[in-house]
Amino acid sequence: MSAPIPLRVVRDRAALDLPAAEDAVAALLRALGRDPDSPHLAETPRRVAASLAEMLSGPHFDLTTFPNDEGYNELVLATALPVRSLCEHHLLPFAGVAHIGYLPGDRILGLSKLARVLELFARDLQVQERLTQQVADWLQEHLAPRGVGVVIEAEHLCMSMRGVRATGARTITSALHGVLREDARSRQEFFSLARTAA
């Protein structure tokens, strides 16, 4: 078993200013014509600040990899991983599933780490395109596989609850590295397996 690879914590919950966030929520309620001191809203600023702190704090984990002693050289794909994040344009959630795969090189990855890397970057103010690319780039850099593929399918509440109100519409993004980008057959296999899992 390898020594865990240190992971830089992207966002530290201790660095968040919760009292300032509570004051900002109270000010927002007043600006929307609501009384934050009313019995029904009295705890809302605290609750909103705490929930945002939770949603925007990336968890620490150790990246566990193992020697690829058997020389496994086929696709490893984790499908339908739940993903939830906050749209940075409207501060409304988007949620769906991710399919993350890689072609191993010298190391293989503990499977739960695919979900943890996804969660790490999803716990931020995001756009789906960036999130997809960040997960693929991070895995390529830290695992050094022969290829990486990430597909995210999500519904954005900023599109389904407001504006065009396209309830049920899903946005699909993808990012590929290495063999999964360069070799048409490998790319097709990845997309075919991800589509089957959807």
N, C-alpha and C. Protein backbone atom coordinates (compact mmCIF):
# COMPACT_ATOMS: atom_id res chain seq x y z
N MET A 1 0.85 -1.19 0.00
CA MET A 1 0.00 0.00 0.00
C MET A 1 0.88 1.24 0.00
N SER A 2 0.50 2.22 -0.77
CA SER A 2 1.30 3.44 -0.87
C SER A 2 1.05 4.34 0.33
N ALA A 3 2.00 5.24 0.54
CA ALA A 3 1.77 6.29 1.52
C ALA A 3 0.75 7.25 0.92
N PRO A 4 -0.18 7.75 1.74
CA PRO A 4 -1.17 8.69 1.20
C PRO A 4 -0.49 9.92 0.62
N ILE A 5 -1.02 10.39 -0.49
CA ILE A 5 -0.52 11.60 -1.12
C ILE A 5 -1.18 12.78 -0.41
N PRO A 6 -0.39 13.76 0.09
CA PRO A 6 -1.01 14.89 0.78
C PRO A 6 -1.94 15.65 -0.16
N LEU A 7 -3.05 16.07 0.37
CA LEU A 7 -4.04 16.82 -0.40
C LEU A 7 -4.20 18.19 0.21
N ARG A 8 -3.98 19.21 -0.58
CA ARG A 8 -4.17 20.57 -0.10
C ARG A 8 -5.66 20.80 0.10
N VAL A 9 -6.03 21.26 1.28
CA VAL A 9 -7.44 21.56 1.55
C VAL A 9 -7.77 22.85 0.80
N VAL A 10 -8.72 22.76 -0.11
CA VAL A 10 -9.02 23.88 -0.98
C VAL A 10 -9.72 25.01 -0.22
N ARG A 11 -10.67 24.64 0.64
CA ARG A 11 -11.39 25.64 1.40
C ARG A 11 -11.48 25.19 2.85
N ASP A 12 -11.18 26.08 3.75
CA ASP A 12 -11.17 25.75 5.17
C ASP A 12 -12.38 26.40 5.83
N ARG A 13 -13.25 25.58 6.44
CA ARG A 13 -14.46 26.11 7.06
C ARG A 13 -14.13 27.12 8.16
N ALA A 14 -13.00 26.92 8.85
CA ALA A 14 -12.62 27.83 9.93
C ALA A 14 -12.35 29.24 9.40
N ALA A 15 -12.05 29.37 8.12
CA ALA A 15 -11.76 30.69 7.55
C ALA A 15 -13.03 31.47 7.22
N LEU A 16 -14.20 30.82 7.29
CA LEU A 16 -15.45 31.51 6.98
C LEU A 16 -15.86 32.41 8.14
N ASP A 17 -16.39 33.57 7.82
CA ASP A 17 -16.84 34.52 8.84
C ASP A 17 -18.35 34.37 9.01
N LEU A 18 -18.76 33.46 9.88
CA LEU A 18 -20.19 33.17 10.06
C LEU A 18 -20.98 34.36 10.58
N PRO A 19 -20.49 35.12 11.57
CA PRO A 19 -21.27 36.30 12.00
C PRO A 19 -21.51 37.29 10.85
N ALA A 20 -20.51 37.52 10.04
CA ALA A 20 -20.69 38.43 8.90
C ALA A 20 -21.70 37.86 7.91
N ALA A 21 -21.67 36.54 7.70
CA ALA A 21 -22.63 35.91 6.80
C ALA A 21 -24.05 36.05 7.35
N GLU A 22 -24.21 35.87 8.66
CA GLU A 22 -25.53 36.03 9.28
C GLU A 22 -26.04 37.46 9.09
N ASP A 23 -25.17 38.45 9.32
CA ASP A 23 -25.56 39.85 9.13
C ASP A 23 -25.97 40.11 7.68
N ALA A 24 -25.25 39.51 6.75
CA ALA A 24 -25.55 39.70 5.32
C ALA A 24 -26.91 39.10 4.97
N VAL A 25 -27.22 37.93 5.53
CA VAL A 25 -28.53 37.31 5.27
C VAL A 25 -29.64 38.16 5.86
N ALA A 26 -29.44 38.68 7.06
CA ALA A 26 -30.45 39.55 7.67
C ALA A 26 -30.65 40.79 6.80
N ALA A 27 -29.57 41.38 6.30
CA ALA A 27 -29.68 42.55 5.43
C ALA A 27 -30.41 42.20 4.13
N LEU A 28 -30.14 41.02 3.59
CA LEU A 28 -30.83 40.59 2.38
C LEU A 28 -32.33 40.45 2.63
N LEU A 29 -32.70 39.85 3.75
CA LEU A 29 -34.11 39.71 4.08
C LEU A 29 -34.79 41.08 4.17
N ARG A 30 -34.11 42.03 4.82
CA ARG A 30 -34.67 43.39 4.91
C ARG A 30 -34.82 44.00 3.51
N ALA A 31 -33.81 43.80 2.65
CA ALA A 31 -33.86 44.35 1.30
C ALA A 31 -34.99 43.73 0.48
N LEU A 32 -35.39 42.52 0.84
CA LEU A 32 -36.50 41.85 0.15
C LEU A 32 -37.85 42.16 0.81
N GLY A 33 -37.84 43.10 1.77
CA GLY A 33 -39.09 43.51 2.40
C GLY A 33 -39.56 42.58 3.50
N ARG A 34 -38.65 41.77 4.04
CA ARG A 34 -39.01 40.84 5.11
C ARG A 34 -38.38 41.31 6.42
N ASP A 35 -38.97 40.92 7.53
CA ASP A 35 -38.46 41.31 8.85
C ASP A 35 -37.68 40.13 9.44
N PRO A 36 -36.35 40.21 9.49
CA PRO A 36 -35.57 39.09 10.02
C PRO A 36 -35.77 38.86 11.51
N ASP A 37 -36.44 39.79 12.19
CA ASP A 37 -36.71 39.62 13.63
C ASP A 37 -38.08 38.99 13.90
N SER A 38 -38.85 38.72 12.85
CA SER A 38 -40.16 38.10 13.06
C SER A 38 -39.95 36.67 13.58
N PRO A 39 -40.94 36.12 14.27
CA PRO A 39 -40.79 34.78 14.85
C PRO A 39 -40.43 33.71 13.82
N HIS A 40 -40.95 33.84 12.62
CA HIS A 40 -40.69 32.82 11.60
C HIS A 40 -39.31 32.96 10.97
N LEU A 41 -38.72 34.13 11.01
CA LEU A 41 -37.43 34.36 10.35
C LEU A 41 -36.27 34.60 11.32
N ALA A 42 -36.55 34.60 12.60
CA ALA A 42 -35.53 34.99 13.59
C ALA A 42 -34.27 34.13 13.50
N GLU A 43 -34.41 32.86 13.21
CA GLU A 43 -33.25 31.96 13.12
C GLU A 43 -32.74 31.77 11.70
N THR A 44 -33.42 32.37 10.74
CA THR A 44 -33.05 32.16 9.34
C THR A 44 -31.63 32.63 9.01
N PRO A 45 -31.20 33.81 9.43
CA PRO A 45 -29.82 34.20 9.11
C PRO A 45 -28.78 33.20 9.61
N ARG A 46 -28.97 32.68 10.82
CA ARG A 46 -28.02 31.70 11.36
C ARG A 46 -28.07 30.41 10.55
N ARG A 47 -29.28 29.96 10.23
CA ARG A 47 -29.44 28.71 9.48
C ARG A 47 -28.84 28.82 8.08
N VAL A 48 -29.10 29.93 7.40
CA VAL A 48 -28.58 30.10 6.04
C VAL A 48 -27.05 30.17 6.07
N ALA A 49 -26.49 30.92 7.01
CA ALA A 49 -25.03 31.02 7.11
C ALA A 49 -24.42 29.65 7.38
N ALA A 50 -25.01 28.88 8.28
CA ALA A 50 -24.48 27.55 8.60
C ALA A 50 -24.61 26.60 7.42
N SER A 51 -25.72 26.68 6.70
CA SER A 51 -25.89 25.77 5.57
C SER A 51 -24.92 26.11 4.44
N LEU A 52 -24.71 27.40 4.19
CA LEU A 52 -23.74 27.79 3.17
C LEU A 52 -22.32 27.38 3.58
N ALA A 53 -21.99 27.54 4.85
CA ALA A 53 -20.67 27.12 5.32
C ALA A 53 -20.47 25.63 5.08
N GLU A 54 -21.50 24.84 5.35
CA GLU A 54 -21.40 23.40 5.12
C GLU A 54 -21.24 23.08 3.64
N MET A 55 -22.03 23.74 2.79
CA MET A 55 -21.99 23.45 1.35
C MET A 55 -20.71 23.93 0.68
N LEU A 56 -20.02 24.90 1.29
CA LEU A 56 -18.84 25.49 0.65
C LEU A 56 -17.53 25.06 1.32
N SER A 57 -17.57 24.04 2.16
CA SER A 57 -16.36 23.59 2.84
C SER A 57 -15.96 22.22 2.31
N GLY A 58 -14.80 22.18 1.66
CA GLY A 58 -14.31 20.92 1.12
C GLY A 58 -13.72 20.04 2.20
N PRO A 59 -14.08 18.76 2.21
CA PRO A 59 -13.56 17.85 3.24
C PRO A 59 -12.13 17.43 2.92
N HIS A 60 -11.34 17.22 3.96
CA HIS A 60 -9.98 16.71 3.79
C HIS A 60 -10.03 15.19 3.62
N PHE A 61 -9.17 14.66 2.78
CA PHE A 61 -9.02 13.21 2.69
C PHE A 61 -7.62 12.91 2.17
N ASP A 62 -7.20 11.68 2.40
CA ASP A 62 -5.92 11.22 1.87
C ASP A 62 -6.19 10.43 0.60
N LEU A 63 -5.42 10.72 -0.43
CA LEU A 63 -5.56 10.00 -1.69
C LEU A 63 -4.83 8.67 -1.57
N THR A 64 -5.59 7.60 -1.49
CA THR A 64 -5.00 6.27 -1.32
C THR A 64 -4.86 5.61 -2.69
N THR A 65 -3.63 5.26 -3.05
CA THR A 65 -3.39 4.53 -4.29
C THR A 65 -2.63 3.25 -3.94
N PHE A 66 -2.68 2.30 -4.89
CA PHE A 66 -2.04 1.01 -4.69
C PHE A 66 -1.26 0.66 -5.95
N PRO A 67 -0.19 -0.12 -5.81
CA PRO A 67 0.55 -0.56 -7.01
C PRO A 67 -0.37 -1.37 -7.92
N ASN A 68 -0.26 -1.15 -9.19
CA ASN A 68 -1.02 -1.90 -10.18
C ASN A 68 -0.24 -3.18 -10.52
N ASP A 69 -0.10 -4.05 -9.51
CA ASP A 69 0.74 -5.24 -9.65
C ASP A 69 0.27 -6.19 -10.75
N GLU A 70 -1.03 -6.25 -10.96
CA GLU A 70 -1.56 -7.16 -11.99
C GLU A 70 -1.48 -6.56 -13.39
N GLY A 71 -1.08 -5.31 -13.48
CA GLY A 71 -0.99 -4.66 -14.79
C GLY A 71 -2.35 -4.43 -15.43
N TYR A 72 -3.37 -4.18 -14.60
CA TYR A 72 -4.72 -3.95 -15.14
C TYR A 72 -4.68 -2.75 -16.07
N ASN A 73 -5.15 -2.94 -17.30
CA ASN A 73 -5.04 -1.85 -18.28
C ASN A 73 -6.36 -1.50 -18.97
N GLU A 74 -7.47 -1.91 -18.36
CA GLU A 74 -8.78 -1.58 -18.91
C GLU A 74 -9.41 -0.45 -18.09
N LEU A 75 -10.50 0.04 -18.58
CA LEU A 75 -11.19 1.18 -17.96
C LEU A 75 -11.74 0.82 -16.59
N VAL A 76 -11.54 1.72 -15.63
CA VAL A 76 -12.18 1.67 -14.31
C VAL A 76 -13.17 2.83 -14.30
N LEU A 77 -14.45 2.52 -14.10
CA LEU A 77 -15.47 3.55 -14.22
C LEU A 77 -16.43 3.49 -13.03
N ALA A 78 -16.55 4.58 -12.29
CA ALA A 78 -17.56 4.71 -11.23
C ALA A 78 -18.70 5.54 -11.80
N THR A 79 -19.91 5.00 -11.75
CA THR A 79 -21.03 5.67 -12.40
C THR A 79 -22.06 6.15 -11.38
N ALA A 80 -22.84 7.11 -11.82
CA ALA A 80 -23.97 7.65 -11.05
C ALA A 80 -23.55 8.13 -9.66
N LEU A 81 -22.38 8.76 -9.59
CA LEU A 81 -21.94 9.36 -8.33
C LEU A 81 -22.76 10.63 -8.11
N PRO A 82 -23.42 10.77 -6.96
CA PRO A 82 -24.23 11.98 -6.74
C PRO A 82 -23.34 13.23 -6.70
N VAL A 83 -23.82 14.27 -7.34
CA VAL A 83 -23.09 15.55 -7.31
C VAL A 83 -24.08 16.67 -7.01
N ARG A 84 -23.68 17.55 -6.08
CA ARG A 84 -24.48 18.72 -5.71
C ARG A 84 -23.54 19.89 -5.55
N SER A 85 -23.92 21.03 -6.10
CA SER A 85 -23.08 22.21 -5.96
C SER A 85 -23.97 23.44 -6.03
N LEU A 86 -23.34 24.62 -5.91
CA LEU A 86 -24.06 25.89 -5.98
C LEU A 86 -23.61 26.69 -7.19
N CYS A 87 -24.55 27.07 -8.00
CA CYS A 87 -24.25 27.92 -9.16
C CYS A 87 -23.70 29.26 -8.66
N GLU A 88 -22.54 29.64 -9.17
CA GLU A 88 -21.94 30.89 -8.71
C GLU A 88 -22.65 32.12 -9.26
N HIS A 89 -23.51 31.96 -10.24
CA HIS A 89 -24.21 33.11 -10.81
C HIS A 89 -25.47 33.49 -10.05
N HIS A 90 -26.15 32.48 -9.46
CA HIS A 90 -27.41 32.76 -8.78
C HIS A 90 -27.46 32.22 -7.35
N LEU A 91 -26.42 31.53 -6.90
CA LEU A 91 -26.38 30.89 -5.58
C LEU A 91 -27.54 29.92 -5.40
N LEU A 92 -27.94 29.27 -6.49
CA LEU A 92 -28.95 28.23 -6.44
C LEU A 92 -28.28 26.89 -6.73
N PRO A 93 -28.81 25.81 -6.19
CA PRO A 93 -28.16 24.51 -6.37
C PRO A 93 -28.29 23.97 -7.78
N PHE A 94 -27.31 23.15 -8.15
CA PHE A 94 -27.49 22.23 -9.26
C PHE A 94 -27.09 20.84 -8.76
N ALA A 95 -27.79 19.84 -9.27
CA ALA A 95 -27.58 18.48 -8.76
C ALA A 95 -27.80 17.47 -9.86
N GLY A 96 -27.10 16.36 -9.74
CA GLY A 96 -27.23 15.29 -10.72
C GLY A 96 -26.28 14.16 -10.40
N VAL A 97 -25.69 13.59 -11.45
CA VAL A 97 -24.76 12.48 -11.28
C VAL A 97 -23.51 12.72 -12.12
N ALA A 98 -22.44 12.08 -11.67
CA ALA A 98 -21.18 12.11 -12.41
C ALA A 98 -20.74 10.69 -12.71
N HIS A 99 -20.09 10.52 -13.84
CA HIS A 99 -19.47 9.26 -14.23
C HIS A 99 -17.98 9.56 -14.39
N ILE A 100 -17.14 8.90 -13.60
CA ILE A 100 -15.71 9.20 -13.60
C ILE A 100 -14.95 7.91 -13.86
N GLY A 101 -14.08 7.95 -14.87
CA GLY A 101 -13.31 6.76 -15.21
C GLY A 101 -11.86 7.09 -15.47
N TYR A 102 -11.02 6.05 -15.38
CA TYR A 102 -9.61 6.22 -15.72
C TYR A 102 -9.03 4.91 -16.22
N LEU A 103 -7.99 5.04 -17.02
CA LEU A 103 -7.20 3.91 -17.48
C LEU A 103 -5.94 3.88 -16.63
N PRO A 104 -5.77 2.87 -15.78
CA PRO A 104 -4.66 2.88 -14.83
C PRO A 104 -3.30 2.88 -15.51
N GLY A 105 -2.36 3.53 -14.82
CA GLY A 105 -0.96 3.44 -15.17
C GLY A 105 -0.29 2.52 -14.17
N ASP A 106 0.71 3.04 -13.46
CA ASP A 106 1.43 2.25 -12.46
C ASP A 106 0.65 2.09 -11.16
N ARG A 107 -0.37 2.93 -10.94
CA ARG A 107 -1.12 2.91 -9.68
C ARG A 107 -2.60 2.76 -9.96
N ILE A 108 -3.31 2.15 -9.02
CA ILE A 108 -4.77 2.15 -9.05
C ILE A 108 -5.25 2.92 -7.82
N LEU A 109 -6.48 3.38 -7.90
CA LEU A 109 -7.01 4.30 -6.90
C LEU A 109 -8.07 3.61 -6.05
N GLY A 110 -8.09 3.90 -4.74
CA GLY A 110 -9.21 3.47 -3.92
C GLY A 110 -10.49 4.07 -4.48
N LEU A 111 -11.47 3.24 -4.80
CA LEU A 111 -12.64 3.70 -5.56
C LEU A 111 -13.41 4.83 -4.89
N SER A 112 -13.48 4.83 -3.55
CA SER A 112 -14.22 5.90 -2.88
C SER A 112 -13.59 7.26 -3.14
N LYS A 113 -12.33 7.27 -3.53
CA LYS A 113 -11.64 8.54 -3.75
C LYS A 113 -12.16 9.26 -4.99
N LEU A 114 -12.74 8.53 -5.94
CA LEU A 114 -13.35 9.20 -7.09
C LEU A 114 -14.50 10.08 -6.62
N ALA A 115 -15.32 9.56 -5.72
CA ALA A 115 -16.42 10.35 -5.17
C ALA A 115 -15.90 11.49 -4.31
N ARG A 116 -14.82 11.26 -3.58
CA ARG A 116 -14.28 12.31 -2.70
C ARG A 116 -13.67 13.47 -3.50
N VAL A 117 -13.01 13.17 -4.59
CA VAL A 117 -12.46 14.24 -5.43
C VAL A 117 -13.60 15.07 -6.02
N LEU A 118 -14.65 14.40 -6.46
CA LEU A 118 -15.82 15.10 -6.98
C LEU A 118 -16.40 16.03 -5.93
N GLU A 119 -16.57 15.51 -4.70
CA GLU A 119 -17.15 16.32 -3.62
C GLU A 119 -16.25 17.50 -3.27
N LEU A 120 -14.95 17.27 -3.30
CA LEU A 120 -14.00 18.33 -2.97
C LEU A 120 -14.23 19.58 -3.82
N PHE A 121 -14.37 19.37 -5.13
CA PHE A 121 -14.54 20.51 -6.02
C PHE A 121 -15.99 20.98 -6.12
N ALA A 122 -16.94 20.10 -5.84
CA ALA A 122 -18.35 20.50 -5.90
C ALA A 122 -18.72 21.41 -4.75
N ARG A 123 -18.00 21.32 -3.63
CA ARG A 123 -18.32 22.17 -2.47
C ARG A 123 -17.69 23.55 -2.64
N ASP A 124 -18.20 24.25 -3.61
CA ASP A 124 -17.72 25.59 -3.93
C ASP A 124 -18.80 26.29 -4.72
N LEU A 125 -18.64 27.57 -4.93
CA LEU A 125 -19.48 28.27 -5.90
C LEU A 125 -18.92 27.87 -7.26
N GLN A 126 -19.76 27.27 -8.11
CA GLN A 126 -19.25 26.59 -9.29
C GLN A 126 -20.05 26.91 -10.54
N VAL A 127 -19.47 26.55 -11.66
CA VAL A 127 -20.19 26.32 -12.90
C VAL A 127 -19.86 24.87 -13.29
N GLN A 128 -20.79 24.20 -13.92
CA GLN A 128 -20.62 22.78 -14.19
C GLN A 128 -19.41 22.51 -15.08
N GLU A 129 -19.17 23.40 -16.03
CA GLU A 129 -18.04 23.20 -16.94
C GLU A 129 -16.71 23.16 -16.17
N ARG A 130 -16.54 24.12 -15.25
CA ARG A 130 -15.30 24.18 -14.47
C ARG A 130 -15.17 22.96 -13.57
N LEU A 131 -16.27 22.59 -12.90
CA LEU A 131 -16.26 21.44 -12.01
C LEU A 131 -15.80 20.18 -12.75
N THR A 132 -16.35 19.96 -13.92
CA THR A 132 -15.99 18.79 -14.72
C THR A 132 -14.50 18.78 -15.03
N GLN A 133 -13.99 19.93 -15.46
CA GLN A 133 -12.58 20.04 -15.82
C GLN A 133 -11.68 19.89 -14.60
N GLN A 134 -12.07 20.47 -13.46
CA GLN A 134 -11.24 20.38 -12.26
C GLN A 134 -11.06 18.94 -11.80
N VAL A 135 -12.14 18.17 -11.83
CA VAL A 135 -12.05 16.77 -11.41
C VAL A 135 -11.11 16.00 -12.33
N ALA A 136 -11.28 16.18 -13.65
CA ALA A 136 -10.42 15.48 -14.60
C ALA A 136 -8.96 15.90 -14.46
N ASP A 137 -8.71 17.19 -14.34
CA ASP A 137 -7.33 17.69 -14.22
C ASP A 137 -6.67 17.17 -12.95
N TRP A 138 -7.43 17.19 -11.83
CA TRP A 138 -6.86 16.77 -10.55
C TRP A 138 -6.48 15.29 -10.59
N LEU A 139 -7.36 14.45 -11.15
CA LEU A 139 -7.05 13.03 -11.24
C LEU A 139 -5.86 12.78 -12.16
N GLN A 140 -5.80 13.49 -13.27
CA GLN A 140 -4.67 13.32 -14.18
C GLN A 140 -3.36 13.71 -13.50
N GLU A 141 -3.37 14.80 -12.75
CA GLU A 141 -2.16 15.28 -12.09
C GLU A 141 -1.73 14.38 -10.94
N HIS A 142 -2.66 13.94 -10.11
CA HIS A 142 -2.30 13.21 -8.89
C HIS A 142 -2.20 11.71 -9.05
N LEU A 143 -2.88 11.13 -10.04
CA LEU A 143 -2.87 9.69 -10.24
C LEU A 143 -1.94 9.26 -11.37
N ALA A 144 -1.71 10.16 -12.32
CA ALA A 144 -0.89 9.87 -13.51
C ALA A 144 -1.38 8.62 -14.24
N PRO A 145 -2.67 8.55 -14.56
CA PRO A 145 -3.19 7.41 -15.32
C PRO A 145 -2.88 7.58 -16.80
N ARG A 146 -3.21 6.55 -17.58
CA ARG A 146 -3.04 6.66 -19.04
C ARG A 146 -4.16 7.50 -19.65
N GLY A 147 -5.24 7.66 -18.92
CA GLY A 147 -6.35 8.49 -19.39
C GLY A 147 -7.37 8.71 -18.30
N VAL A 148 -8.11 9.80 -18.41
CA VAL A 148 -9.17 10.15 -17.45
C VAL A 148 -10.37 10.66 -18.24
N GLY A 149 -11.57 10.27 -17.78
CA GLY A 149 -12.79 10.80 -18.36
C GLY A 149 -13.79 11.15 -17.27
N VAL A 150 -14.43 12.30 -17.42
CA VAL A 150 -15.45 12.75 -16.47
C VAL A 150 -16.65 13.25 -17.26
N VAL A 151 -17.83 12.76 -16.90
CA VAL A 151 -19.09 13.26 -17.46
C VAL A 151 -19.98 13.63 -16.28
N ILE A 152 -20.53 14.83 -16.32
CA ILE A 152 -21.49 15.26 -15.30
C ILE A 152 -22.80 15.63 -15.98
N GLU A 153 -23.90 15.11 -15.42
CA GLU A 153 -25.25 15.43 -15.88
C GLU A 153 -25.98 16.05 -14.70
N ALA A 154 -26.50 17.25 -14.86
CA ALA A 154 -27.13 17.91 -13.72
C ALA A 154 -28.29 18.81 -14.16
N GLU A 155 -29.24 18.95 -13.23
CA GLU A 155 -30.32 19.93 -13.39
C GLU A 155 -29.97 21.14 -12.56
N HIS A 156 -30.10 22.31 -13.15
CA HIS A 156 -29.75 23.57 -12.50
C HIS A 156 -31.03 24.30 -12.10
N LEU A 157 -31.18 24.54 -10.79
CA LEU A 157 -32.39 25.23 -10.33
C LEU A 157 -32.45 26.66 -10.85
N CYS A 158 -31.31 27.25 -11.18
CA CYS A 158 -31.34 28.61 -11.74
C CYS A 158 -32.00 28.61 -13.11
N MET A 159 -32.10 27.44 -13.74
CA MET A 159 -32.76 27.34 -15.04
C MET A 159 -34.16 26.74 -14.91
N SER A 160 -34.39 25.89 -13.90
CA SER A 160 -35.69 25.24 -13.79
C SER A 160 -36.66 25.98 -12.88
N MET A 161 -36.17 26.81 -11.94
CA MET A 161 -37.07 27.53 -11.03
C MET A 161 -37.28 28.99 -11.42
N ARG A 162 -36.42 29.51 -12.28
CA ARG A 162 -36.52 30.92 -12.64
C ARG A 162 -36.23 31.05 -14.14
N GLY A 163 -36.31 32.27 -14.64
CA GLY A 163 -35.99 32.48 -16.04
C GLY A 163 -36.87 31.65 -16.95
N VAL A 164 -36.25 30.77 -17.72
CA VAL A 164 -36.96 29.96 -18.70
C VAL A 164 -37.82 28.87 -18.06
N ARG A 165 -37.56 28.53 -16.80
CA ARG A 165 -38.30 27.52 -16.04
C ARG A 165 -38.40 26.20 -16.80
N ALA A 166 -37.25 25.74 -17.25
CA ALA A 166 -37.16 24.48 -18.01
C ALA A 166 -36.98 23.31 -17.04
N THR A 167 -38.06 22.99 -16.33
CA THR A 167 -38.02 21.92 -15.34
C THR A 167 -37.64 20.60 -15.98
N GLY A 168 -36.69 19.92 -15.36
CA GLY A 168 -36.26 18.61 -15.86
C GLY A 168 -35.14 18.65 -16.88
N ALA A 169 -34.82 19.83 -17.41
CA ALA A 169 -33.73 19.92 -18.38
C ALA A 169 -32.40 19.60 -17.69
N ARG A 170 -31.57 18.81 -18.34
CA ARG A 170 -30.29 18.42 -17.77
C ARG A 170 -29.17 18.93 -18.67
N THR A 171 -28.11 19.38 -18.05
CA THR A 171 -26.92 19.83 -18.75
C THR A 171 -25.86 18.74 -18.62
N ILE A 172 -25.21 18.40 -19.73
CA ILE A 172 -24.17 17.37 -19.73
C ILE A 172 -22.86 18.01 -20.14
N THR A 173 -21.82 17.78 -19.34
CA THR A 173 -20.48 18.27 -19.64
C THR A 173 -19.51 17.10 -19.55
N SER A 174 -18.39 17.22 -20.28
CA SER A 174 -17.39 16.16 -20.25
C SER A 174 -16.00 16.76 -20.32
N ALA A 175 -15.04 16.01 -19.78
CA ALA A 175 -13.63 16.38 -19.87
C ALA A 175 -12.82 15.09 -20.00
N LEU A 176 -11.87 15.08 -20.92
CA LEU A 176 -11.07 13.88 -21.19
C LEU A 176 -9.59 14.24 -21.22
N HIS A 177 -8.77 13.27 -20.79
CA HIS A 177 -7.31 13.41 -20.86
C HIS A 177 -6.71 12.11 -21.39
N GLY A 178 -5.52 12.22 -21.94
CA GLY A 178 -4.73 11.06 -22.32
C GLY A 178 -5.40 10.21 -23.38
N VAL A 179 -5.32 8.88 -23.21
CA VAL A 179 -5.84 7.93 -24.19
C VAL A 179 -7.33 8.13 -24.42
N LEU A 180 -8.07 8.49 -23.38
CA LEU A 180 -9.51 8.66 -23.55
C LEU A 180 -9.84 9.86 -24.42
N ARG A 181 -8.92 10.77 -24.57
CA ARG A 181 -9.11 11.90 -25.48
C ARG A 181 -8.55 11.60 -26.86
N GLU A 182 -7.40 10.93 -26.89
CA GLU A 182 -6.66 10.78 -28.15
C GLU A 182 -7.09 9.57 -28.98
N ASP A 183 -7.56 8.50 -28.34
CA ASP A 183 -7.90 7.28 -29.05
C ASP A 183 -9.42 7.18 -29.21
N ALA A 184 -9.89 7.17 -30.45
CA ALA A 184 -11.33 7.21 -30.72
C ALA A 184 -12.05 6.01 -30.12
N ARG A 185 -11.47 4.82 -30.18
CA ARG A 185 -12.13 3.64 -29.64
C ARG A 185 -12.25 3.69 -28.12
N SER A 186 -11.19 4.14 -27.46
CA SER A 186 -11.24 4.27 -26.00
C SER A 186 -12.24 5.34 -25.58
N ARG A 187 -12.25 6.45 -26.31
CA ARG A 187 -13.20 7.53 -26.02
C ARG A 187 -14.63 7.03 -26.18
N GLN A 188 -14.88 6.28 -27.26
CA GLN A 188 -16.22 5.75 -27.51
C GLN A 188 -16.63 4.76 -26.42
N GLU A 189 -15.69 3.91 -25.97
CA GLU A 189 -16.01 2.96 -24.90
C GLU A 189 -16.41 3.70 -23.63
N PHE A 190 -15.64 4.74 -23.29
CA PHE A 190 -15.96 5.49 -22.08
C PHE A 190 -17.35 6.11 -22.18
N PHE A 191 -17.63 6.81 -23.28
CA PHE A 191 -18.93 7.47 -23.41
C PHE A 191 -20.08 6.45 -23.46
N SER A 192 -19.83 5.31 -24.10
CA SER A 192 -20.85 4.28 -24.19
C SER A 192 -21.19 3.71 -22.81
N LEU A 193 -20.17 3.42 -22.01
CA LEU A 193 -20.41 2.90 -20.66
C LEU A 193 -21.06 3.96 -19.77
N ALA A 194 -20.65 5.20 -19.89
CA ALA A 194 -21.24 6.26 -19.09
C ALA A 194 -22.71 6.46 -19.47
N ARG A 195 -23.02 6.38 -20.76
CA ARG A 195 -24.39 6.56 -21.24
C ARG A 195 -25.27 5.39 -20.77
N THR A 196 -24.72 4.18 -20.79
CA THR A 196 -25.47 3.00 -20.33
C THR A 196 -25.82 3.12 -18.87
N ALA A 197 -24.92 3.73 -18.09
CA ALA A 197 -25.14 3.86 -16.65
C ALA A 197 -26.13 4.97 -16.32
N ALA A 198 -26.36 5.88 -17.25
CA ALA A 198 -27.19 7.04 -16.96
C ALA A 198 -28.65 6.66 -16.80
